[in-house]
N, C-alpha and C. Protein backbone atom coordinates (compact mmCIF):
# COMPACT_ATOMS: atom_id res chain seq x y z
N MET A 1 3.00 10.65 -8.65
CA MET A 1 2.35 9.58 -7.93
C MET A 1 0.86 9.86 -7.88
N ASN A 2 0.05 8.81 -8.15
CA ASN A 2 -1.40 8.92 -8.06
C ASN A 2 -1.96 7.59 -7.56
N GLU A 3 -3.27 7.55 -7.39
CA GLU A 3 -3.90 6.35 -6.86
C GLU A 3 -3.64 5.13 -7.74
N ASN A 4 -3.66 5.33 -9.06
CA ASN A 4 -3.43 4.20 -9.96
C ASN A 4 -2.06 3.58 -9.75
N ASP A 5 -1.03 4.42 -9.59
CA ASP A 5 0.32 3.91 -9.33
C ASP A 5 0.36 3.10 -8.04
N ILE A 6 -0.32 3.61 -7.03
CA ILE A 6 -0.32 2.93 -5.73
C ILE A 6 -1.01 1.58 -5.83
N PHE A 7 -2.19 1.55 -6.44
CA PHE A 7 -2.93 0.29 -6.53
C PHE A 7 -2.23 -0.71 -7.45
N LYS A 8 -1.61 -0.23 -8.52
CA LYS A 8 -0.83 -1.13 -9.38
C LYS A 8 0.34 -1.72 -8.60
N ALA A 9 1.00 -0.90 -7.82
CA ALA A 9 2.14 -1.38 -7.04
C ALA A 9 1.70 -2.42 -6.02
N LEU A 10 0.58 -2.19 -5.37
CA LEU A 10 0.12 -3.11 -4.33
C LEU A 10 -0.66 -4.30 -4.88
N ALA A 11 -0.92 -4.32 -6.19
CA ALA A 11 -1.63 -5.44 -6.79
C ALA A 11 -0.77 -6.70 -6.79
N ASP A 12 0.53 -6.54 -6.76
CA ASP A 12 1.44 -7.68 -6.77
C ASP A 12 1.60 -8.23 -5.35
N PRO A 13 1.39 -9.52 -5.13
CA PRO A 13 1.49 -10.08 -3.77
C PRO A 13 2.88 -9.95 -3.16
N THR A 14 3.92 -10.04 -3.98
CA THR A 14 5.28 -9.89 -3.45
C THR A 14 5.50 -8.47 -2.94
N ARG A 15 5.04 -7.48 -3.70
CA ARG A 15 5.19 -6.09 -3.25
C ARG A 15 4.37 -5.82 -2.00
N ARG A 16 3.18 -6.44 -1.93
CA ARG A 16 2.38 -6.27 -0.70
C ARG A 16 3.13 -6.85 0.49
N ALA A 17 3.77 -8.00 0.31
CA ALA A 17 4.53 -8.62 1.40
C ALA A 17 5.70 -7.73 1.81
N ILE A 18 6.38 -7.15 0.84
CA ILE A 18 7.49 -6.24 1.13
C ILE A 18 6.98 -5.03 1.88
N PHE A 19 5.87 -4.46 1.41
CA PHE A 19 5.29 -3.28 2.06
C PHE A 19 4.88 -3.60 3.49
N GLU A 20 4.30 -4.78 3.72
CA GLU A 20 3.90 -5.18 5.07
C GLU A 20 5.11 -5.33 5.99
N LYS A 21 6.22 -5.87 5.45
CA LYS A 21 7.44 -5.96 6.25
C LYS A 21 7.94 -4.57 6.64
N LEU A 22 7.89 -3.65 5.68
CA LEU A 22 8.37 -2.29 5.95
C LEU A 22 7.44 -1.53 6.90
N ALA A 23 6.18 -1.94 6.96
CA ALA A 23 5.25 -1.30 7.89
C ALA A 23 5.68 -1.57 9.34
N ILE A 24 6.42 -2.64 9.55
CA ILE A 24 6.93 -2.97 10.89
C ILE A 24 8.09 -2.07 11.25
N GLY A 25 8.92 -1.74 10.26
CA GLY A 25 10.06 -0.88 10.50
C GLY A 25 11.03 -0.86 9.33
N SER A 26 11.97 0.04 9.41
CA SER A 26 12.97 0.25 8.36
C SER A 26 13.85 -0.99 8.20
N MET A 27 14.16 -1.35 6.94
CA MET A 27 15.02 -2.51 6.65
C MET A 27 15.80 -2.27 5.37
N ASN A 28 16.91 -2.99 5.27
CA ASN A 28 17.64 -2.98 4.00
C ASN A 28 17.12 -4.12 3.12
N ALA A 29 17.54 -4.15 1.87
CA ALA A 29 17.03 -5.12 0.91
C ALA A 29 17.34 -6.55 1.33
N SER A 30 18.50 -6.78 1.93
CA SER A 30 18.86 -8.14 2.36
C SER A 30 17.91 -8.63 3.45
N ALA A 31 17.61 -7.77 4.40
CA ALA A 31 16.68 -8.14 5.47
C ALA A 31 15.28 -8.37 4.90
N LEU A 32 14.89 -7.58 3.92
CA LEU A 32 13.59 -7.76 3.30
C LEU A 32 13.47 -9.09 2.58
N ARG A 33 14.58 -9.56 2.02
CA ARG A 33 14.56 -10.82 1.26
C ARG A 33 14.45 -12.05 2.16
N GLU A 34 14.74 -11.90 3.44
CA GLU A 34 14.68 -13.06 4.35
C GLU A 34 13.28 -13.65 4.35
N GLY A 35 13.21 -14.96 4.13
CA GLY A 35 11.94 -15.65 4.10
C GLY A 35 11.21 -15.56 2.77
N MET A 36 11.80 -14.84 1.83
CA MET A 36 11.20 -14.71 0.50
C MET A 36 12.15 -15.36 -0.51
N GLN A 37 11.60 -16.03 -1.46
CA GLN A 37 12.45 -16.68 -2.46
C GLN A 37 12.49 -15.85 -3.73
N ILE A 38 13.14 -14.69 -3.63
CA ILE A 38 13.33 -13.84 -4.79
C ILE A 38 14.78 -13.41 -4.85
N SER A 39 15.24 -13.10 -6.04
CA SER A 39 16.63 -12.69 -6.22
C SER A 39 16.82 -11.24 -5.76
N GLN A 40 18.06 -10.86 -5.63
CA GLN A 40 18.39 -9.48 -5.26
C GLN A 40 17.89 -8.51 -6.34
N SER A 41 18.04 -8.90 -7.60
CA SER A 41 17.58 -8.01 -8.67
C SER A 41 16.06 -7.88 -8.68
N ALA A 42 15.35 -8.97 -8.39
CA ALA A 42 13.88 -8.89 -8.32
C ALA A 42 13.46 -7.99 -7.16
N MET A 43 14.17 -8.10 -6.02
CA MET A 43 13.86 -7.24 -4.88
C MET A 43 14.07 -5.78 -5.26
N SER A 44 15.15 -5.50 -5.96
CA SER A 44 15.43 -4.13 -6.40
C SER A 44 14.32 -3.60 -7.30
N GLN A 45 13.84 -4.45 -8.20
CA GLN A 45 12.77 -4.03 -9.09
C GLN A 45 11.47 -3.75 -8.32
N HIS A 46 11.15 -4.62 -7.37
CA HIS A 46 9.94 -4.41 -6.57
C HIS A 46 10.05 -3.12 -5.75
N LEU A 47 11.20 -2.88 -5.17
CA LEU A 47 11.40 -1.66 -4.39
C LEU A 47 11.31 -0.42 -5.27
N ALA A 48 11.80 -0.53 -6.50
CA ALA A 48 11.71 0.61 -7.43
C ALA A 48 10.25 0.94 -7.74
N VAL A 49 9.43 -0.08 -7.93
CA VAL A 49 8.01 0.15 -8.20
C VAL A 49 7.35 0.81 -6.99
N LEU A 50 7.65 0.31 -5.79
CA LEU A 50 7.08 0.89 -4.57
C LEU A 50 7.54 2.33 -4.36
N ARG A 51 8.82 2.61 -4.68
CA ARG A 51 9.33 3.99 -4.58
C ARG A 51 8.62 4.89 -5.59
N HIS A 52 8.49 4.42 -6.83
CA HIS A 52 7.83 5.21 -7.87
C HIS A 52 6.39 5.54 -7.49
N ALA A 53 5.72 4.62 -6.82
CA ALA A 53 4.34 4.83 -6.40
C ALA A 53 4.25 5.74 -5.18
N GLY A 54 5.39 6.06 -4.57
CA GLY A 54 5.39 6.93 -3.40
C GLY A 54 5.07 6.21 -2.11
N LEU A 55 5.15 4.88 -2.12
CA LEU A 55 4.84 4.11 -0.92
C LEU A 55 6.05 3.85 -0.03
N VAL A 56 7.24 3.93 -0.64
CA VAL A 56 8.47 3.61 0.08
C VAL A 56 9.50 4.68 -0.20
N CYS A 57 10.27 5.03 0.81
CA CYS A 57 11.40 5.93 0.60
C CYS A 57 12.66 5.23 1.09
N GLU A 58 13.79 5.75 0.69
CA GLU A 58 15.07 5.12 1.05
C GLU A 58 15.98 6.12 1.71
N GLU A 59 16.86 5.58 2.55
CA GLU A 59 17.86 6.41 3.22
C GLU A 59 19.18 5.63 3.26
N ARG A 60 20.22 6.25 2.75
CA ARG A 60 21.53 5.60 2.72
C ARG A 60 22.20 5.77 4.07
N GLN A 61 22.70 4.65 4.61
CA GLN A 61 23.46 4.67 5.85
C GLN A 61 24.74 3.88 5.61
N GLY A 62 25.81 4.62 5.34
CA GLY A 62 27.06 3.97 4.98
C GLY A 62 26.91 3.29 3.64
N ARG A 63 27.25 2.01 3.59
CA ARG A 63 27.13 1.30 2.32
C ARG A 63 25.78 0.62 2.15
N PHE A 64 24.92 0.74 3.14
CA PHE A 64 23.60 0.14 3.08
C PHE A 64 22.53 1.18 2.76
N VAL A 65 21.47 0.72 2.14
CA VAL A 65 20.31 1.56 1.88
C VAL A 65 19.16 0.95 2.67
N ASN A 66 18.57 1.74 3.55
CA ASN A 66 17.41 1.29 4.32
C ASN A 66 16.15 1.84 3.67
N TYR A 67 15.13 1.04 3.68
CA TYR A 67 13.84 1.40 3.10
C TYR A 67 12.81 1.48 4.21
N GLU A 68 11.87 2.38 4.04
CA GLU A 68 10.78 2.50 5.00
C GLU A 68 9.52 2.99 4.29
N VAL A 69 8.38 2.78 4.94
CA VAL A 69 7.11 3.24 4.38
C VAL A 69 7.11 4.76 4.36
N ASP A 70 6.66 5.32 3.25
CA ASP A 70 6.55 6.77 3.10
C ASP A 70 5.13 7.19 3.51
N PRO A 71 4.99 7.94 4.60
CA PRO A 71 3.66 8.33 5.07
C PRO A 71 2.85 9.13 4.05
N GLN A 72 3.50 9.85 3.16
CA GLN A 72 2.77 10.63 2.16
C GLN A 72 1.99 9.72 1.21
N GLY A 73 2.58 8.58 0.86
CA GLY A 73 1.87 7.63 0.01
C GLY A 73 0.65 7.06 0.71
N LEU A 74 0.79 6.80 2.00
CA LEU A 74 -0.35 6.30 2.77
C LEU A 74 -1.43 7.36 2.89
N ALA A 75 -1.04 8.61 2.99
CA ALA A 75 -2.02 9.70 3.10
C ALA A 75 -2.86 9.78 1.83
N LEU A 76 -2.26 9.53 0.68
CA LEU A 76 -3.00 9.55 -0.58
C LEU A 76 -4.04 8.44 -0.61
N ILE A 77 -3.67 7.26 -0.12
CA ILE A 77 -4.62 6.15 -0.04
C ILE A 77 -5.75 6.49 0.92
N ALA A 78 -5.41 7.07 2.06
CA ALA A 78 -6.42 7.42 3.06
C ALA A 78 -7.42 8.43 2.50
N ARG A 79 -6.93 9.42 1.76
CA ARG A 79 -7.84 10.41 1.15
C ARG A 79 -8.76 9.75 0.14
N TRP A 80 -8.23 8.82 -0.65
CA TRP A 80 -9.04 8.10 -1.62
C TRP A 80 -10.12 7.30 -0.92
N LEU A 81 -9.76 6.61 0.16
CA LEU A 81 -10.74 5.81 0.90
C LEU A 81 -11.79 6.67 1.59
N ASP A 82 -11.41 7.87 2.02
CA ASP A 82 -12.36 8.76 2.69
C ASP A 82 -13.57 9.08 1.81
N LYS A 83 -13.33 9.20 0.51
CA LYS A 83 -14.45 9.47 -0.40
C LYS A 83 -15.50 8.36 -0.30
N TYR A 84 -15.06 7.13 -0.17
CA TYR A 84 -15.97 6.00 -0.15
C TYR A 84 -16.54 5.74 1.23
N ARG A 85 -15.80 6.13 2.26
CA ARG A 85 -16.34 6.02 3.61
C ARG A 85 -17.57 6.90 3.76
N ALA A 86 -17.58 8.04 3.15
CA ALA A 86 -18.72 8.94 3.22
C ALA A 86 -19.86 8.45 2.33
N PHE A 87 -19.55 7.79 1.24
CA PHE A 87 -20.54 7.36 0.26
C PHE A 87 -21.35 6.16 0.75
N TRP A 88 -20.69 5.11 1.23
CA TRP A 88 -21.37 3.86 1.52
C TRP A 88 -22.38 3.92 2.66
N PRO A 89 -22.12 4.57 3.77
CA PRO A 89 -23.16 4.60 4.82
C PRO A 89 -24.48 5.19 4.33
N ALA A 90 -24.42 6.24 3.53
CA ALA A 90 -25.65 6.84 3.01
C ALA A 90 -26.37 5.86 2.09
N GLN A 91 -25.63 5.12 1.29
CA GLN A 91 -26.24 4.15 0.37
C GLN A 91 -26.87 2.99 1.16
N ILE A 92 -26.22 2.56 2.20
CA ILE A 92 -26.76 1.47 3.04
C ILE A 92 -28.05 1.95 3.73
N ASP A 93 -28.05 3.19 4.21
CA ASP A 93 -29.26 3.74 4.83
C ASP A 93 -30.42 3.75 3.83
N LYS A 94 -30.14 4.16 2.60
CA LYS A 94 -31.18 4.18 1.56
C LYS A 94 -31.68 2.76 1.27
N LEU A 95 -30.77 1.81 1.24
CA LEU A 95 -31.14 0.42 1.00
C LEU A 95 -32.01 -0.11 2.14
N ASN A 96 -31.66 0.21 3.37
CA ASN A 96 -32.47 -0.22 4.52
C ASN A 96 -33.88 0.34 4.43
N ILE A 97 -34.01 1.61 4.07
CA ILE A 97 -35.33 2.23 3.92
C ILE A 97 -36.12 1.53 2.82
N LEU A 98 -35.48 1.26 1.70
CA LEU A 98 -36.13 0.57 0.59
C LEU A 98 -36.59 -0.82 1.02
N LEU A 99 -35.76 -1.55 1.72
CA LEU A 99 -36.13 -2.91 2.16
C LEU A 99 -37.30 -2.87 3.13
N LYS A 100 -37.31 -1.89 4.03
CA LYS A 100 -38.43 -1.74 4.97
C LYS A 100 -39.72 -1.44 4.21
N ASP A 101 -39.63 -0.57 3.21
CA ASP A 101 -40.81 -0.23 2.41
C ASP A 101 -41.31 -1.46 1.64
N MET A 102 -40.41 -2.30 1.19
CA MET A 102 -40.80 -3.49 0.44
C MET A 102 -41.47 -4.51 1.36
N ASP A 103 -41.08 -4.56 2.61
CA ASP A 103 -41.67 -5.50 3.57
C ASP A 103 -43.10 -5.14 3.92
N GLN A 104 -43.46 -3.88 3.81
CA GLN A 104 -44.80 -3.44 4.23
C GLN A 104 -45.84 -3.72 3.21
């Protein structure tokens, strides 16, 4: 799992919707399909992509499989974003200084 896998997985609007549902809490595939017009096989494929990216994990309970957000996948995204959180404020400060110098 790497950042590219995560961003590719979340690039699809259906997978983002599934991920957002799972962010609320654990669900099985049937519950995830409620309100979505996709087949069971399409749901399975979307869940497989999310699992491969490390964003979702599964737990079998009897004959049902429940899916939930995998915190490790979110941690990878957070680390990636941290690099840019540190970068942009410094760049904005430099831009502000440049703009002030141009005004004078």
